[in-house]
Structure formats: structure tokens, C-alpha cells
């Protein structure tokens, strides 16, 4: 089994920044893809950013504002979010692909409001 622990969400004013972290632990042979998704109320879960073998991919809404990175030694993925907007408000989930399957974090709430 693989466990994912997310942290870093919270309440921030428009234009502010947050950094999300997701640490994977457990029976991990090798971590392949790592990514962040989000789900706003009444909307479907959507990809925000992903990183696989050093190659990053961003949703159009995240380009230029968010940066995904990973620490392979710690099996941890980060999402640096800058210039946050009210429309970024959502529950953010990390997703990690390992040999044997994909796993989801429990989600962390990000609220952007004045």
C-alpha cells in the first residue's frame, strides 16, 4: 500500500501564494508520474499540473503562475502557486503513479478570498 499526505492548503487573499506538498510513503518500488488535480464545488476534477521524468505539464489556467516540482529522494511533489485568483478556490488532490497503480491524496482545501 501507498500513503499520500498532503499539506499546505489554506485561506489566502487574491494575489497571494501557497505551496502545497504531497509526500508518498509505503510499499514504493519506484514513483513514476506525480501530479496535482483540483475540484471546485459543482465541477469535475481537473488536472492542474504533472511531472514525469522531469517533463512538466500545466493546465492553461496554471501556466505562468504555478510551478510543479518533485524531490525524488523524498518521494514528494510540490505545487508552488503564485498570483492566486478566486477561481483557484478548490480542493487540491495529489496523484502519484507507482509500479502497480495510481494513488490519490486526501485533498487539501485552497480558498482564495478577500
Protein backbone atom coordinates (compact mmCIF):
# COMPACT_ATOMS: atom_id res chain seq x y z
CA UNK A 1 0.00 0.00 0.00
CA UNK A 2 0.96 3.60 -0.65
CA UNK A 3 0.01 6.50 1.58
CA UNK A 4 -0.05 10.13 0.46
CA UNK A 5 0.00 13.00 2.93
CA UNK A 6 -0.83 16.45 1.64
CA UNK A 7 -0.21 19.77 3.33
CA UNK A 8 -0.06 23.47 2.60
CA UNK A 9 -3.61 24.46 1.81
CA UNK A 10 -5.41 27.33 3.45
CA UNK A 11 -7.02 30.71 3.04
CA UNK A 12 -5.16 33.35 1.05
CA UNK A 13 -6.04 36.72 -0.42
CA UNK A 14 -6.14 37.27 -4.18
CA UNK A 15 -2.62 37.77 -5.49
CA UNK A 16 -1.13 35.70 -2.69
CA UNK A 17 0.86 32.49 -2.76
CA UNK A 18 0.67 29.00 -1.34
CA UNK A 19 2.88 25.95 -1.57
CA UNK A 20 1.33 22.51 -1.50
CA UNK A 21 3.28 19.39 -0.60
CA UNK A 22 2.46 15.72 -1.04
CA UNK A 23 4.67 13.03 0.45
CA UNK A 24 4.34 9.41 -0.62
CA UNK A 25 5.30 6.52 1.63
CA UNK A 26 4.74 2.80 1.92
CA UNK A 27 5.46 -0.02 -0.48
CA UNK A 28 7.05 2.02 -3.24
CA UNK A 29 9.39 0.47 -5.76
CA UNK A 30 9.57 3.49 -7.99
CA UNK A 31 7.48 6.65 -8.35
CA UNK A 32 6.66 7.46 -11.94
CA UNK A 33 4.18 10.26 -12.59
CA UNK A 34 3.26 12.82 -9.95
CA UNK A 35 0.60 15.44 -10.34
CA UNK A 36 -1.90 17.81 -8.82
CA UNK A 37 -5.61 17.95 -9.59
CA UNK A 38 -8.33 20.18 -8.22
CA UNK A 39 -12.06 20.05 -7.84
CA UNK A 40 -14.23 23.09 -7.27
CA UNK A 41 -17.80 22.82 -5.98
CA UNK A 42 -20.12 21.61 -8.71
CA UNK A 43 -17.28 20.96 -11.13
CA UNK A 44 -15.35 17.92 -12.29
CA UNK A 45 -11.87 17.16 -11.05
CA UNK A 46 -9.28 18.62 -13.42
CA UNK A 47 -5.55 18.32 -13.93
CA UNK A 48 -3.58 21.31 -12.70
CA UNK A 49 -0.02 20.15 -13.29
CA UNK A 50 2.00 16.97 -13.64
CA UNK A 51 5.65 15.96 -13.73
CA UNK A 52 7.00 12.76 -15.22
CA UNK A 53 10.70 12.06 -15.78
CA UNK A 54 11.36 15.76 -15.45
CA UNK A 55 8.77 16.75 -18.04
CA UNK A 56 6.13 19.12 -16.72
CA UNK A 57 2.63 19.74 -17.99
CA UNK A 58 0.25 22.51 -16.92
CA UNK A 59 -3.35 23.38 -17.42
CA UNK A 60 -3.76 26.64 -19.31
CA UNK A 61 -5.16 28.24 -16.15
CA UNK A 62 -1.97 27.39 -14.26
CA UNK A 63 0.66 28.36 -16.82
CA UNK A 64 2.87 31.21 -15.70
CA UNK A 65 1.52 31.17 -12.14
CA UNK A 66 2.03 27.65 -10.80
CA UNK A 67 5.20 25.55 -10.67
CA UNK A 68 5.31 21.82 -10.03
CA UNK A 69 8.47 20.17 -8.74
CA UNK A 70 9.48 16.95 -7.05
CA UNK A 71 12.10 15.62 -4.68
CA UNK A 72 12.73 12.06 -5.76
CA UNK A 73 14.76 11.25 -2.64
CA UNK A 74 11.74 12.12 -0.51
CA UNK A 75 9.05 10.88 -2.91
CA UNK A 76 7.48 14.30 -2.54
CA UNK A 77 5.80 16.55 -5.06
CA UNK A 78 5.24 20.27 -4.61
CA UNK A 79 2.98 22.84 -6.20
CA UNK A 80 4.04 26.46 -5.83
CA UNK A 81 1.04 28.66 -6.56
CA UNK A 82 1.54 32.38 -7.11
CA UNK A 83 -0.80 35.19 -8.13
CA UNK A 84 -3.73 33.22 -6.83
CA UNK A 85 -7.22 34.12 -8.02
CA UNK A 86 -10.65 33.45 -6.52
CA UNK A 87 -11.28 30.96 -9.32
CA UNK A 88 -8.38 28.86 -7.99
CA UNK A 89 -10.54 28.01 -4.97
CA UNK A 90 -10.93 24.24 -4.85
CA UNK A 91 -9.88 21.09 -3.09
CA UNK A 92 -6.46 20.12 -4.43
CA UNK A 93 -5.51 16.46 -4.71
CA UNK A 94 -2.14 14.94 -5.43
CA UNK A 95 -1.93 11.87 -7.62
CA UNK A 96 1.06 9.56 -7.68
CA UNK A 97 1.76 6.76 -10.10
CA UNK A 98 3.92 3.91 -8.90
CA UNK A 99 4.65 0.42 -10.15
CA UNK A 100 1.31 -1.23 -9.54
CA UNK A 101 -1.10 1.66 -9.76
CA UNK A 102 -2.10 5.23 -9.08
CA UNK A 103 -2.97 6.70 -5.70
CA UNK A 104 -4.82 9.83 -4.55
CA UNK A 105 -4.18 12.07 -1.59
CA UNK A 106 -6.95 13.04 0.80
CA UNK A 107 -7.21 16.54 -0.60
CA UNK A 108 -6.37 19.94 0.82
CA UNK A 109 -8.63 22.97 0.64
CA UNK A 110 -7.37 26.11 -1.04
CA UNK A 111 -9.57 29.18 -0.65
CA UNK A 112 -8.71 32.45 -2.35
CA UNK A 113 -10.80 35.27 -0.96
CA UNK A 114 -10.51 38.78 0.37
